[in-house]
Amino acid sequence: MAVPCPCCQQPVAVPTLEIVIDHYRVSEFEARILRPIWKANGRPVPTERIFDSMFADDPDGGPSQHKMYESLKFGFLRLRRRLAGSGISIENVGYRRGFRLSMAGAVNPVSS
């Protein structure tokens, strides 16, 4: 899963979050979903923590819970498409447990 470093173009076997965002052209909205999952190093992240990241700059805390889930589903769809074939995936870990990051060939991802 080596991707080129944006600075020196050397291959990076275990990229940082910022390299992944840059290389796969992850939008700001998608990055707000990916950040808390990435920083958990493979541990489950509750959906509420992802919502907090998605709507951190909203003074009202975001839209209704129904709209938050719709936005999250749409964001996951786009993010999973961008990361397809990269060896990086986001897995649902079960009802009310949230989501976790999985990287092919890595025990735990490197956080940034």
N, C-alpha and C. Protein backbone atom coordinates (compact mmCIF):
# COMPACT_ATOMS: atom_id res chain seq x y z
N MET A 1 0.82 -1.18 0.00
CA MET A 1 0.00 0.00 0.00
C MET A 1 0.87 1.25 0.00
N ALA A 2 2.00 1.23 -0.61
CA ALA A 2 2.88 2.39 -0.63
C ALA A 2 2.28 3.50 -1.49
N VAL A 3 2.27 4.68 -0.93
CA VAL A 3 1.83 5.87 -1.66
C VAL A 3 2.99 6.85 -1.64
N PRO A 4 3.07 7.73 -2.61
CA PRO A 4 4.18 8.68 -2.63
C PRO A 4 4.00 9.80 -1.60
N CYS A 5 5.09 10.15 -0.96
CA CYS A 5 5.10 11.29 -0.04
C CYS A 5 4.84 12.54 -0.87
N PRO A 6 3.95 13.45 -0.42
CA PRO A 6 3.67 14.65 -1.21
C PRO A 6 4.86 15.60 -1.34
N CYS A 7 5.82 15.49 -0.42
CA CYS A 7 6.98 16.38 -0.47
C CYS A 7 8.11 15.86 -1.35
N CYS A 8 8.53 14.61 -1.06
CA CYS A 8 9.72 14.08 -1.74
C CYS A 8 9.40 13.00 -2.78
N GLN A 9 8.15 12.58 -2.86
CA GLN A 9 7.68 11.57 -3.79
C GLN A 9 8.25 10.16 -3.54
N GLN A 10 8.91 9.96 -2.40
CA GLN A 10 9.40 8.63 -2.03
C GLN A 10 8.22 7.79 -1.55
N PRO A 11 8.22 6.48 -1.79
CA PRO A 11 7.10 5.65 -1.35
C PRO A 11 7.02 5.58 0.18
N VAL A 12 5.81 5.66 0.70
CA VAL A 12 5.54 5.59 2.13
C VAL A 12 4.68 4.35 2.35
N ALA A 13 5.22 3.35 3.05
CA ALA A 13 4.51 2.09 3.25
C ALA A 13 3.31 2.24 4.18
N VAL A 14 3.46 3.00 5.26
CA VAL A 14 2.36 3.23 6.20
C VAL A 14 2.16 4.75 6.27
N PRO A 15 1.27 5.26 5.44
CA PRO A 15 1.10 6.71 5.35
C PRO A 15 0.42 7.31 6.57
N THR A 16 0.65 8.59 6.78
CA THR A 16 -0.06 9.33 7.82
C THR A 16 -1.44 9.70 7.29
N LEU A 17 -2.27 10.17 8.17
CA LEU A 17 -3.60 10.60 7.79
C LEU A 17 -3.53 11.71 6.74
N GLU A 18 -2.66 12.66 6.92
CA GLU A 18 -2.58 13.78 5.98
C GLU A 18 -2.10 13.33 4.60
N ILE A 19 -1.21 12.35 4.54
CA ILE A 19 -0.78 11.81 3.25
C ILE A 19 -1.96 11.13 2.56
N VAL A 20 -2.75 10.36 3.31
CA VAL A 20 -3.92 9.69 2.75
C VAL A 20 -4.92 10.72 2.22
N ILE A 21 -5.19 11.75 3.01
CA ILE A 21 -6.13 12.79 2.59
C ILE A 21 -5.66 13.45 1.30
N ASP A 22 -4.37 13.75 1.23
CA ASP A 22 -3.82 14.41 0.05
C ASP A 22 -3.80 13.46 -1.17
N HIS A 23 -3.28 12.26 -0.97
CA HIS A 23 -3.10 11.33 -2.10
C HIS A 23 -4.43 10.88 -2.70
N TYR A 24 -5.41 10.60 -1.86
CA TYR A 24 -6.70 10.10 -2.36
C TYR A 24 -7.73 11.21 -2.55
N ARG A 25 -7.28 12.44 -2.43
CA ARG A 25 -8.13 13.63 -2.64
C ARG A 25 -9.42 13.56 -1.81
N VAL A 26 -9.24 13.27 -0.54
CA VAL A 26 -10.36 13.19 0.40
C VAL A 26 -10.86 14.61 0.67
N SER A 27 -12.15 14.83 0.50
CA SER A 27 -12.72 16.16 0.74
C SER A 27 -12.70 16.49 2.23
N GLU A 28 -12.88 17.74 2.57
CA GLU A 28 -12.91 18.16 3.97
C GLU A 28 -14.02 17.44 4.73
N PHE A 29 -15.18 17.30 4.12
CA PHE A 29 -16.29 16.60 4.76
C PHE A 29 -15.92 15.14 5.04
N GLU A 30 -15.32 14.48 4.08
CA GLU A 30 -14.91 13.09 4.25
C GLU A 30 -13.79 12.98 5.29
N ALA A 31 -12.90 13.96 5.31
CA ALA A 31 -11.81 13.96 6.29
C ALA A 31 -12.35 14.10 7.71
N ARG A 32 -13.43 14.83 7.88
CA ARG A 32 -14.03 14.96 9.21
C ARG A 32 -14.59 13.63 9.69
N ILE A 33 -14.97 12.78 8.78
CA ILE A 33 -15.43 11.42 9.13
C ILE A 33 -14.22 10.53 9.40
N LEU A 34 -13.21 10.64 8.57
CA LEU A 34 -12.05 9.77 8.66
C LEU A 34 -11.17 10.06 9.88
N ARG A 35 -11.01 11.32 10.26
CA ARG A 35 -10.07 11.68 11.34
C ARG A 35 -10.28 10.92 12.64
N PRO A 36 -11.48 10.94 13.23
CA PRO A 36 -11.62 10.22 14.52
C PRO A 36 -11.43 8.71 14.38
N ILE A 37 -11.80 8.17 13.23
CA ILE A 37 -11.64 6.73 13.01
C ILE A 37 -10.15 6.40 12.89
N TRP A 38 -9.41 7.20 12.16
CA TRP A 38 -7.97 7.00 11.97
C TRP A 38 -7.24 7.11 13.31
N LYS A 39 -7.57 8.12 14.08
CA LYS A 39 -6.86 8.38 15.33
C LYS A 39 -7.14 7.32 16.39
N ALA A 40 -8.15 6.51 16.21
CA ALA A 40 -8.46 5.44 17.17
C ALA A 40 -7.57 4.22 17.00
N ASN A 41 -6.72 4.21 15.98
CA ASN A 41 -5.75 3.11 15.77
C ASN A 41 -6.38 1.73 15.73
N GLY A 42 -7.48 1.60 15.03
CA GLY A 42 -8.11 0.30 14.86
C GLY A 42 -9.13 -0.06 15.92
N ARG A 43 -9.28 0.79 16.94
CA ARG A 43 -10.30 0.54 17.96
C ARG A 43 -11.63 1.11 17.47
N PRO A 44 -12.74 0.57 17.95
CA PRO A 44 -14.05 1.08 17.54
C PRO A 44 -14.25 2.54 17.97
N VAL A 45 -14.88 3.31 17.08
CA VAL A 45 -15.20 4.71 17.35
C VAL A 45 -16.72 4.84 17.33
N PRO A 46 -17.31 5.31 18.43
CA PRO A 46 -18.77 5.47 18.46
C PRO A 46 -19.23 6.48 17.42
N THR A 47 -20.39 6.24 16.87
CA THR A 47 -20.96 7.13 15.86
C THR A 47 -21.06 8.57 16.37
N GLU A 48 -21.38 8.74 17.64
CA GLU A 48 -21.52 10.08 18.21
C GLU A 48 -20.22 10.87 18.12
N ARG A 49 -19.08 10.20 18.28
CA ARG A 49 -17.80 10.89 18.17
C ARG A 49 -17.55 11.33 16.73
N ILE A 50 -17.99 10.53 15.77
CA ILE A 50 -17.86 10.91 14.36
C ILE A 50 -18.76 12.11 14.08
N PHE A 51 -19.98 12.09 14.62
CA PHE A 51 -20.88 13.24 14.46
C PHE A 51 -20.24 14.51 15.04
N ASP A 52 -19.62 14.40 16.21
CA ASP A 52 -18.95 15.56 16.82
C ASP A 52 -17.90 16.14 15.89
N SER A 53 -17.17 15.27 15.21
CA SER A 53 -16.15 15.72 14.27
C SER A 53 -16.77 16.34 13.02
N MET A 54 -17.84 15.71 12.53
CA MET A 54 -18.50 16.20 11.31
C MET A 54 -19.08 17.60 11.49
N PHE A 55 -19.62 17.85 12.68
CA PHE A 55 -20.34 19.10 12.91
C PHE A 55 -19.69 19.96 13.98
N ALA A 56 -18.37 19.86 14.12
CA ALA A 56 -17.62 20.59 15.14
C ALA A 56 -17.77 22.10 15.03
N ASP A 57 -17.92 22.61 13.82
CA ASP A 57 -18.01 24.06 13.64
C ASP A 57 -19.45 24.57 13.61
N ASP A 58 -20.41 23.70 13.85
CA ASP A 58 -21.82 24.11 13.86
C ASP A 58 -22.20 24.53 15.28
N PRO A 59 -22.57 25.80 15.48
CA PRO A 59 -22.89 26.27 16.83
C PRO A 59 -24.09 25.54 17.45
N ASP A 60 -24.95 24.96 16.63
CA ASP A 60 -26.11 24.24 17.14
C ASP A 60 -25.82 22.75 17.32
N GLY A 61 -24.61 22.32 17.03
CA GLY A 61 -24.25 20.91 17.17
C GLY A 61 -24.63 20.05 15.99
N GLY A 62 -25.14 20.66 14.94
CA GLY A 62 -25.49 19.91 13.74
C GLY A 62 -26.98 19.81 13.54
N PRO A 63 -27.39 19.15 12.47
CA PRO A 63 -28.82 19.00 12.17
C PRO A 63 -29.45 17.92 13.06
N SER A 64 -30.65 17.53 12.73
CA SER A 64 -31.33 16.48 13.48
C SER A 64 -30.53 15.18 13.37
N GLN A 65 -30.76 14.27 14.29
CA GLN A 65 -30.02 13.00 14.28
C GLN A 65 -30.28 12.24 12.98
N HIS A 66 -31.49 12.29 12.47
CA HIS A 66 -31.81 11.63 11.21
C HIS A 66 -30.94 12.18 10.07
N LYS A 67 -30.81 13.51 10.00
CA LYS A 67 -29.99 14.14 8.96
C LYS A 67 -28.51 13.80 9.16
N MET A 68 -28.08 13.71 10.42
CA MET A 68 -26.68 13.34 10.69
C MET A 68 -26.38 11.96 10.13
N TYR A 69 -27.29 11.01 10.38
CA TYR A 69 -27.08 9.65 9.87
C TYR A 69 -27.09 9.63 8.34
N GLU A 70 -27.96 10.40 7.73
CA GLU A 70 -27.97 10.47 6.26
C GLU A 70 -26.64 11.02 5.74
N SER A 71 -26.15 12.08 6.39
CA SER A 71 -24.88 12.67 5.98
C SER A 71 -23.73 11.69 6.17
N LEU A 72 -23.77 10.95 7.28
CA LEU A 72 -22.72 9.97 7.55
C LEU A 72 -22.72 8.86 6.50
N LYS A 73 -23.90 8.35 6.17
CA LYS A 73 -23.99 7.30 5.16
C LYS A 73 -23.47 7.78 3.81
N PHE A 74 -23.83 9.01 3.43
CA PHE A 74 -23.35 9.59 2.18
C PHE A 74 -21.83 9.77 2.22
N GLY A 75 -21.33 10.26 3.36
CA GLY A 75 -19.89 10.46 3.50
C GLY A 75 -19.11 9.16 3.43
N PHE A 76 -19.64 8.10 4.08
CA PHE A 76 -18.99 6.80 4.01
C PHE A 76 -18.98 6.26 2.59
N LEU A 77 -20.06 6.42 1.89
CA LEU A 77 -20.14 5.97 0.50
C LEU A 77 -19.03 6.60 -0.32
N ARG A 78 -18.91 7.91 -0.24
CA ARG A 78 -17.88 8.62 -1.01
C ARG A 78 -16.47 8.26 -0.54
N LEU A 79 -16.28 8.19 0.77
CA LEU A 79 -14.96 7.88 1.32
C LEU A 79 -14.52 6.48 0.94
N ARG A 80 -15.42 5.53 1.04
CA ARG A 80 -15.07 4.15 0.66
C ARG A 80 -14.73 4.04 -0.82
N ARG A 81 -15.42 4.80 -1.65
CA ARG A 81 -15.09 4.80 -3.09
C ARG A 81 -13.69 5.37 -3.32
N ARG A 82 -13.37 6.46 -2.62
CA ARG A 82 -12.04 7.07 -2.79
C ARG A 82 -10.93 6.12 -2.35
N LEU A 83 -11.18 5.37 -1.29
CA LEU A 83 -10.15 4.51 -0.72
C LEU A 83 -10.14 3.10 -1.31
N ALA A 84 -11.06 2.82 -2.23
CA ALA A 84 -11.13 1.48 -2.84
C ALA A 84 -9.79 1.10 -3.46
N GLY A 85 -9.33 -0.08 -3.14
CA GLY A 85 -8.08 -0.56 -3.68
C GLY A 85 -6.84 -0.07 -2.96
N SER A 86 -7.01 0.77 -1.95
CA SER A 86 -5.86 1.34 -1.24
C SER A 86 -5.36 0.46 -0.11
N GLY A 87 -6.18 -0.50 0.32
CA GLY A 87 -5.83 -1.30 1.49
C GLY A 87 -6.32 -0.68 2.78
N ILE A 88 -6.95 0.49 2.68
CA ILE A 88 -7.50 1.18 3.84
C ILE A 88 -9.01 1.02 3.76
N SER A 89 -9.60 0.53 4.84
CA SER A 89 -11.06 0.39 4.83
C SER A 89 -11.64 0.78 6.19
N ILE A 90 -12.91 1.11 6.16
CA ILE A 90 -13.65 1.45 7.37
C ILE A 90 -14.70 0.38 7.54
N GLU A 91 -14.68 -0.25 8.70
CA GLU A 91 -15.58 -1.36 8.96
C GLU A 91 -16.59 -1.01 10.05
N ASN A 92 -17.81 -1.47 9.88
CA ASN A 92 -18.82 -1.36 10.91
C ASN A 92 -18.54 -2.49 11.89
N VAL A 93 -18.41 -2.17 13.17
CA VAL A 93 -18.06 -3.19 14.15
C VAL A 93 -19.25 -3.69 14.96
N GLY A 94 -20.44 -3.36 14.52
CA GLY A 94 -21.62 -3.89 15.19
C GLY A 94 -22.52 -2.82 15.74
N TYR A 95 -23.70 -3.24 16.04
CA TYR A 95 -24.73 -2.32 16.53
C TYR A 95 -24.24 -1.56 17.75
N ARG A 96 -24.29 -0.25 17.69
CA ARG A 96 -23.94 0.68 18.76
C ARG A 96 -22.47 0.64 19.18
N ARG A 97 -21.63 -0.06 18.40
CA ARG A 97 -20.21 -0.08 18.72
C ARG A 97 -19.45 0.89 17.84
N GLY A 98 -19.99 1.22 16.68
CA GLY A 98 -19.36 2.20 15.82
C GLY A 98 -18.60 1.61 14.65
N PHE A 99 -17.48 2.26 14.33
CA PHE A 99 -16.70 1.93 13.15
C PHE A 99 -15.23 1.89 13.54
N ARG A 100 -14.46 1.13 12.74
CA ARG A 100 -13.02 1.07 12.98
C ARG A 100 -12.27 1.05 11.66
N LEU A 101 -11.02 1.44 11.72
CA LEU A 101 -10.15 1.49 10.57
C LEU A 101 -9.41 0.17 10.42
N SER A 102 -9.27 -0.28 9.21
CA SER A 102 -8.51 -1.49 8.92
C SER A 102 -7.55 -1.16 7.78
N MET A 103 -6.29 -1.55 7.96
CA MET A 103 -5.30 -1.33 6.92
C MET A 103 -4.68 -2.66 6.57
N ALA A 104 -4.70 -3.01 5.30
CA ALA A 104 -4.12 -4.27 4.83
C ALA A 104 -2.63 -4.31 5.18
N GLY A 105 -2.22 -5.40 5.79
CA GLY A 105 -0.80 -5.57 6.10
C GLY A 105 -0.33 -4.84 7.33
N ALA A 106 -1.23 -4.21 8.09
CA ALA A 106 -0.81 -3.48 9.29
C ALA A 106 -1.61 -3.98 10.49
N VAL A 107 -0.93 -4.10 11.62
CA VAL A 107 -1.61 -4.48 12.85
C VAL A 107 -2.44 -3.31 13.34
N ASN A 108 -1.84 -2.14 13.44
CA ASN A 108 -2.53 -0.92 13.82
C ASN A 108 -2.02 0.20 12.93
N PRO A 109 -2.91 1.08 12.47
CA PRO A 109 -2.45 2.19 11.64
C PRO A 109 -1.64 3.18 12.47
N VAL A 110 -0.80 3.93 11.81
CA VAL A 110 -0.02 4.97 12.45
C VAL A 110 -0.88 6.22 12.51
N SER A 111 -1.04 6.77 13.69
CA SER A 111 -1.86 7.99 13.81
C SER A 111 -1.02 9.20 13.52
N SER A 112 -1.69 10.27 13.20
CA SER A 112 -0.99 11.54 12.98
C SER A 112 -1.71 12.64 13.69
